């Protein structure tokens, strides 16, 4: 191989290495977002449960006040 071809090959390898690093970083960010989403879903489910309990309590109070 010519020296120029080797230089181009080395640049391509460095570029691929950078791309690979970006993929790992993006993968880590996706993992963090999935963890956050799971937490948000759990929080939403808890709040929906509380809202349902409040609705039931209000219905019971209305029933008892008649």
PDB file of N, CA and C in Angstrom:
ATOM      1  N   UNK A   1       0.844  -1.183   0.000  1.00  0.00           N
ATOM      2  CA  UNK A   1       0.000   0.000   0.000  1.00  0.00           C
ATOM      3  C   UNK A   1       0.886   1.241   0.000  1.00  0.00           C
ATOM      4  N   UNK A   2       0.349   2.262  -0.605  1.00  0.00           N
ATOM      5  CA  UNK A   2       1.075   3.525  -0.618  1.00  0.00           C
ATOM      6  C   UNK A   2       0.906   4.210   0.725  1.00  0.00           C
ATOM      7  N   UNK A   3       1.806   5.131   0.987  1.00  0.00           N
ATOM      8  CA  UNK A   3       1.761   5.872   2.244  1.00  0.00           C
ATOM      9  C   UNK A   3       0.456   6.664   2.360  1.00  0.00           C
ATOM     10  N   UNK A   4      -0.007   7.236   1.247  1.00  0.00           N
ATOM     11  CA  UNK A   4      -1.250   8.010   1.247  1.00  0.00           C
ATOM     12  C   UNK A   4      -2.443   7.102   1.571  1.00  0.00           C
ATOM     13  N   UNK A   5      -2.470   5.907   1.006  1.00  0.00           N
ATOM     14  CA  UNK A   5      -3.556   4.963   1.282  1.00  0.00           C
ATOM     15  C   UNK A   5      -3.571   4.567   2.750  1.00  0.00           C
ATOM     16  N   UNK A   6      -2.384   4.366   3.318  1.00  0.00           N
ATOM     17  CA  UNK A   6      -2.302   4.035   4.743  1.00  0.00           C
ATOM     18  C   UNK A   6      -2.818   5.186   5.590  1.00  0.00           C
ATOM     19  N   UNK A   7      -2.477   6.413   5.211  1.00  0.00           N
ATOM     20  CA  UNK A   7      -2.933   7.585   5.948  1.00  0.00           C
ATOM     21  C   UNK A   7      -4.461   7.689   5.887  1.00  0.00           C
ATOM     22  N   UNK A   8      -5.029   7.471   4.710  1.00  0.00           N
ATOM     23  CA  UNK A   8      -6.484   7.511   4.566  1.00  0.00           C
ATOM     24  C   UNK A   8      -7.145   6.394   5.370  1.00  0.00           C
ATOM     25  N   UNK A   9      -6.530   5.237   5.355  1.00  0.00           N
ATOM     26  CA  UNK A   9      -7.049   4.112   6.125  1.00  0.00           C
ATOM     27  C   UNK A   9      -7.015   4.415   7.619  1.00  0.00           C
ATOM     28  N   UNK A  10      -5.937   5.023   8.066  1.00  0.00           N
ATOM     29  CA  UNK A  10      -5.828   5.379   9.486  1.00  0.00           C
ATOM     30  C   UNK A  10      -6.880   6.427   9.862  1.00  0.00           C
ATOM     31  N   UNK A  11      -7.109   7.400   8.999  1.00  0.00           N
ATOM     32  CA  UNK A  11      -8.152   8.410   9.265  1.00  0.00           C
ATOM     33  C   UNK A  11      -9.526   7.743   9.336  1.00  0.00           C
ATOM     34  N   UNK A  12      -9.770   6.804   8.439  1.00  0.00           N
ATOM     35  CA  UNK A  12     -11.050   6.088   8.449  1.00  0.00           C
ATOM     36  C   UNK A  12     -11.209   5.292   9.740  1.00  0.00           C
ATOM     37  N   UNK A  13     -10.139   4.662  10.186  1.00  0.00           N
ATOM     38  CA  UNK A  13     -10.192   3.906  11.452  1.00  0.00           C
ATOM     39  C   UNK A  13     -10.476   4.834  12.633  1.00  0.00           C
ATOM     40  N   UNK A  14      -9.834   5.994  12.643  1.00  0.00           N
ATOM     41  CA  UNK A  14     -10.065   6.958  13.725  1.00  0.00           C
ATOM     42  C   UNK A  14     -11.512   7.441  13.699  1.00  0.00           C
ATOM     43  N   UNK A  15     -12.025   7.690  12.490  1.00  0.00           N
ATOM     44  CA  UNK A  15     -13.410   8.126  12.357  1.00  0.00           C
ATOM     45  C   UNK A  15     -14.355   7.043  12.878  1.00  0.00           C
ATOM     46  N   UNK A  16     -14.122   5.809  12.492  1.00  0.00           N
ATOM     47  CA  UNK A  16     -14.958   4.703  12.963  1.00  0.00           C
ATOM     48  C   UNK A  16     -14.879   4.553  14.475  1.00  0.00           C
ATOM     49  N   UNK A  17     -13.698   4.772  15.020  1.00  0.00           N
ATOM     50  CA  UNK A  17     -13.538   4.709  16.469  1.00  0.00           C
ATOM     51  C   UNK A  17     -14.385   5.788  17.140  1.00  0.00           C
ATOM     52  N   UNK A  18     -14.388   6.986  16.551  1.00  0.00           N
ATOM     53  CA  UNK A  18     -15.217   8.068  17.082  1.00  0.00           C
ATOM     54  C   UNK A  18     -16.694   7.752  16.970  1.00  0.00           C
ATOM     55  N   UNK A  19     -17.082   7.171  15.847  1.00  0.00           N
ATOM     56  CA  UNK A  19     -18.479   6.786  15.650  1.00  0.00           C
ATOM     57  C   UNK A  19     -18.877   5.734  16.685  1.00  0.00           C
ATOM     58  N   UNK A  20     -18.008   4.772  16.905  1.00  0.00           N
ATOM     59  CA  UNK A  20     -18.279   3.723  17.886  1.00  0.00           C
ATOM     60  C   UNK A  20     -18.438   4.324  19.284  1.00  0.00           C
ATOM     61  N   UNK A  21     -17.593   5.280  19.622  1.00  0.00           N
ATOM     62  CA  UNK A  21     -17.694   5.941  20.928  1.00  0.00           C
ATOM     63  C   UNK A  21     -19.023   6.678  21.042  1.00  0.00           C
ATOM     64  N   UNK A  22     -19.429   7.353  19.966  1.00  0.00           N
ATOM     65  CA  UNK A  22     -20.720   8.048  19.977  1.00  0.00           C
ATOM     66  C   UNK A  22     -21.870   7.070  20.167  1.00  0.00           C
ATOM     67  N   UNK A  23     -21.773   5.911  19.540  1.00  0.00           N
ATOM     68  CA  UNK A  23     -22.819   4.894  19.692  1.00  0.00           C
ATOM     69  C   UNK A  23     -22.914   4.444  21.149  1.00  0.00           C
ATOM     70  N   UNK A  24     -21.776   4.229  21.799  1.00  0.00           N
ATOM     71  CA  UNK A  24     -21.789   3.831  23.207  1.00  0.00           C
ATOM     72  C   UNK A  24     -22.398   4.928  24.080  1.00  0.00           C
ATOM     73  N   UNK A  25     -22.059   6.194  23.794  1.00  0.00           N
ATOM     74  CA  UNK A  25     -22.609   7.307  24.569  1.00  0.00           C
ATOM     75  C   UNK A  25     -24.119   7.407  24.376  1.00  0.00           C
ATOM     76  N   UNK A  26     -24.563   7.276  23.130  1.00  0.00           N
ATOM     77  CA  UNK A  26     -25.997   7.339  22.849  1.00  0.00           C
ATOM     78  C   UNK A  26     -26.716   6.175  23.514  1.00  0.00           C
ATOM     79  N   UNK A  27     -26.116   5.010  23.490  1.00  0.00           N
ATOM     80  CA  UNK A  27     -26.703   3.838  24.138  1.00  0.00           C
ATOM     81  C   UNK A  27     -26.858   4.070  25.639  1.00  0.00           C
ATOM     82  N   UNK A  28     -25.851   4.671  26.249  1.00  0.00           N
ATOM     83  CA  UNK A  28     -25.927   4.973  27.683  1.00  0.00           C
ATOM     84  C   UNK A  28     -27.028   5.995  27.956  1.00  0.00           C
ATOM     85  N   UNK A  29     -27.167   6.988  27.084  1.00  0.00           N
ATOM     86  CA  UNK A  29     -28.226   7.979  27.255  1.00  0.00           C
ATOM     87  C   UNK A  29     -29.601   7.336  27.107  1.00  0.00           C
ATOM     88  N   UNK A  30     -29.736   6.423  26.160  1.00  0.00           N
ATOM     89  CA  UNK A  30     -31.008   5.714  25.980  1.00  0.00           C
ATOM     90  C   UNK A  30     -31.338   4.900  27.229  1.00  0.00           C
ATOM     91  N   UNK A  31     -30.340   4.220  27.788  1.00  0.00           N
ATOM     92  CA  UNK A  31     -30.559   3.455  29.020  1.00  0.00           C
ATOM     93  C   UNK A  31     -31.051   4.366  30.134  1.00  0.00           C
ATOM     94  N   UNK A  32     -30.441   5.557  30.259  1.00  0.00           N
ATOM     95  CA  UNK A  32     -30.843   6.506  31.299  1.00  0.00           C
ATOM     96  C   UNK A  32     -32.269   6.991  31.054  1.00  0.00           C
ATOM     97  N   UNK A  33     -32.605   7.273  29.805  1.00  0.00           N
ATOM     98  CA  UNK A  33     -33.961   7.717  29.483  1.00  0.00           C
ATOM     99  C   UNK A  33     -34.990   6.625  29.766  1.00  0.00           C
ATOM    100  N   UNK A  34     -34.644   5.377  29.472  1.00  0.00           N
ATOM    101  CA  UNK A  34     -35.552   4.265  29.770  1.00  0.00           C
ATOM    102  C   UNK A  34     -35.773   4.143  31.271  1.00  0.00           C
ATOM    103  N   UNK A  35     -34.706   4.320  32.055  1.00  0.00           N
ATOM    104  CA  UNK A  35     -34.820   4.266  33.512  1.00  0.00           C
ATOM    105  C   UNK A  35     -35.729   5.396  34.006  1.00  0.00           C
ATOM    106  N   UNK A  36     -35.531   6.591  33.454  1.00  0.00           N
ATOM    107  CA  UNK A  36     -36.355   7.739  33.830  1.00  0.00           C
ATOM    108  C   UNK A  36     -37.810   7.496  33.452  1.00  0.00           C
ATOM    109  N   UNK A  37     -38.036   6.950  32.264  1.00  0.00           N
ATOM    110  CA  UNK A  37     -39.394   6.666  31.811  1.00  0.00           C
ATOM    111  C   UNK A  37     -40.075   5.653  32.727  1.00  0.00           C
ATOM    112  N   UNK A  38     -39.355   4.634  33.145  1.00  0.00           N
ATOM    113  CA  UNK A  38     -39.921   3.650  34.077  1.00  0.00           C
ATOM    114  C   UNK A  38     -40.344   4.332  35.375  1.00  0.00           C
ATOM    115  N   UNK A  39     -39.513   5.239  35.863  1.00  0.00           N
ATOM    116  CA  UNK A  39     -39.848   5.974  37.082  1.00  0.00           C
ATOM    117  C   UNK A  39     -41.076   6.845  36.893  1.00  0.00           C
ATOM    118  N   UNK A  40     -41.164   7.504  35.746  1.00  0.00           N
ATOM    119  CA  UNK A  40     -42.324   8.345  35.463  1.00  0.00           C
ATOM    120  C   UNK A  40     -43.598   7.517  35.354  1.00  0.00           C
ATOM    121  N   UNK A  41     -43.483   6.353  34.739  1.00  0.00           N
ATOM    122  CA  UNK A  41     -44.658   5.475  34.630  1.00  0.00           C
ATOM    123  C   UNK A  41     -45.123   5.020  36.011  1.00  0.00           C
ATOM    124  N   UNK A  42     -44.180   4.680  36.863  1.00  0.00           N
ATOM    125  CA  UNK A  42     -44.534   4.247  38.220  1.00  0.00           C
ATOM    126  C   UNK A  42     -45.195   5.390  38.980  1.00  0.00           C
ATOM    127  N   UNK A  43     -44.661   6.591  38.829  1.00  0.00           N
ATOM    128  CA  UNK A  43     -45.230   7.758  39.493  1.00  0.00           C
ATOM    129  C   UNK A  43     -46.638   8.037  38.978  1.00  0.00           C
ATOM    130  N   UNK A  44     -46.824   7.927  37.669  1.00  0.00           N
ATOM    131  CA  UNK A  44     -48.143   8.145  37.086  1.00  0.00           C
ATOM    132  C   UNK A  44     -49.143   7.114  37.600  1.00  0.00           C
ATOM    133  N   UNK A  45     -48.730   5.868  37.656  1.00  0.00           N
ATOM    134  CA  UNK A  45     -49.621   4.813  38.151  1.00  0.00           C
ATOM    135  C   UNK A  45     -50.016   5.091  39.601  1.00  0.00           C
ATOM    136  N   UNK A  46     -49.054   5.533  40.394  1.00  0.00           N
ATOM    137  CA  UNK A  46     -49.345   5.853  41.795  1.00  0.00           C
ATOM    138  C   UNK A  46     -50.336   7.006  41.884  1.00  0.00           C
ATOM    139  N   UNK A  47     -50.120   8.037  41.074  1.00  0.00           N
ATOM    140  CA  UNK A  47     -51.019   9.196  41.100  1.00  0.00           C
ATOM    141  C   UNK A  47     -52.414   8.829  40.599  1.00  0.00           C
ATOM    142  N   UNK A  48     -52.469   7.965  39.585  1.00  0.00           N
ATOM    143  CA  UNK A  48     -53.777   7.526  39.097  1.00  0.00           C
ATOM    144  C   UNK A  48     -54.507   6.739  40.178  1.00  0.00           C
ATOM    145  N   UNK A  49     -53.760   5.932  40.913  1.00  0.00           N
ATOM    146  CA  UNK A  49     -54.356   5.193  42.019  1.00  0.00           C
ATOM    147  C   UNK A  49     -54.892   6.129  43.088  1.00  0.00           C
ATOM    148  N   UNK A  50     -54.119   7.166  43.409  1.00  0.00           N
ATOM    149  CA  UNK A  50     -54.570   8.154  44.391  1.00  0.00           C
ATOM    150  C   UNK A  50     -55.799   8.902  43.883  1.00  0.00           C
ATOM    151  N   UNK A  51     -55.796   9.264  42.604  1.00  0.00           N
ATOM    152  CA  UNK A  51     -56.941   9.969  42.027  1.00  0.00           C
ATOM    153  C   UNK A  51     -58.191   9.093  42.088  1.00  0.00           C
ATOM    154  N   UNK A  52     -58.041   7.822  41.787  1.00  0.00           N
ATOM    155  CA  UNK A  52     -59.185   6.905  41.865  1.00  0.00           C
ATOM    156  C   UNK A  52     -59.687   6.777  43.293  1.00  0.00           C
ATOM    157  N   UNK A  53     -58.771   6.721  44.253  1.00  0.00           N
ATOM    158  CA  UNK A  53     -59.167   6.630  45.654  1.00  0.00           C
ATOM    159  C   UNK A  53     -59.915   7.890  46.081  1.00  0.00           C
ATOM    160  N   UNK A  54     -59.442   9.044  45.637  1.00  0.00           N
ATOM    161  CA  UNK A  54     -60.113  10.306  45.965  1.00  0.00           C
ATOM    162  C   UNK A  54     -61.515  10.323  45.365  1.00  0.00           C
ATOM    163  N   UNK A  55     -61.651   9.871  44.123  1.00  0.00           N
ATOM    164  CA  UNK A  55     -62.977   9.811  43.490  1.00  0.00           C
ATOM    165  C   UNK A  55     -63.913   8.905  44.282  1.00  0.00           C
ATOM    166  N   UNK A  56     -63.396   7.769  44.717  1.00  0.00           N
ATOM    167  CA  UNK A  56     -64.218   6.845  45.508  1.00  0.00           C
ATOM    168  C   UNK A  56     -64.600   7.478  46.843  1.00  0.00           C
ATOM    169  N   UNK A  57     -63.665   8.181  47.473  1.00  0.00           N
ATOM    170  CA  UNK A  57     -63.954   8.848  48.749  1.00  0.00           C
ATOM    171  C   UNK A  57     -65.013   9.927  48.567  1.00  0.00           C
ATOM    172  N   UNK A  58     -64.915  10.699  47.484  1.00  0.00           N
ATOM    173  CA  UNK A  58     -65.906  11.744  47.214  1.00  0.00           C
ATOM    174  C   UNK A  58     -67.276  11.118  46.977  1.00  0.00           C
ATOM    175  N   UNK A  59     -67.313  10.046  46.203  1.00  0.00           N
ATOM    176  CA  UNK A  59     -68.589   9.366  45.944  1.00  0.00           C
ATOM    177  C   UNK A  59     -69.192   8.856  47.249  1.00  0.00           C
ATOM    178  N   UNK A  60     -68.361   8.324  48.127  1.00  0.00           N
ATOM    179  CA  UNK A  60     -68.840   7.827  49.424  1.00  0.00           C
ATOM    180  C   UNK A  60     -69.363   8.973  50.282  1.00  0.00           C
ATOM    181  N   UNK A  61     -68.657  10.099  50.291  1.00  0.00           N
ATOM    182  CA  UNK A  61     -69.108  11.269  51.056  1.00  0.00           C
ATOM    183  C   UNK A  61     -70.434  11.794  50.514  1.00  0.00           C
ATOM    184  N   UNK A  62     -70.549  11.847  49.185  1.00  0.00           N
ATOM    185  CA  UNK A  62     -71.802  12.313  48.581  1.00  0.00           C
ATOM    186  C   UNK A  62     -72.950  11.367  48.931  1.00  0.00           C
ATOM    187  N   UNK A  63     -72.671  10.084  48.913  1.00  0.00           N
ATOM    188  CA  UNK A  63     -73.692   9.080  49.238  1.00  0.00           C
ATOM    189  C   UNK A  63     -74.142   9.240  50.693  1.00  0.00           C
ATOM    190  N   UNK A  64     -73.177   9.465  51.589  1.00  0.00           N
ATOM    191  CA  UNK A  64     -73.495   9.581  53.013  1.00  0.00           C
ATOM    192  C   UNK A  64     -74.153  10.910  53.360  1.00  0.00           C
ATOM    193  N   UNK A  65     -73.971  11.919  52.516  1.00  0.00           N
ATOM    194  CA  UNK A  65     -74.541  13.232  52.834  1.00  0.00           C
ATOM    195  C   UNK A  65     -75.986  13.355  52.366  1.00  0.00           C
ATOM    196  N   UNK A  66     -76.494  12.358  51.671  1.00  0.00           N
ATOM    197  CA  UNK A  66     -77.890  12.423  51.186  1.00  0.00           C
ATOM    198  C   UNK A  66     -78.850  11.988  52.231  1.00  0.00           C
TER     199      UNK A  66
END
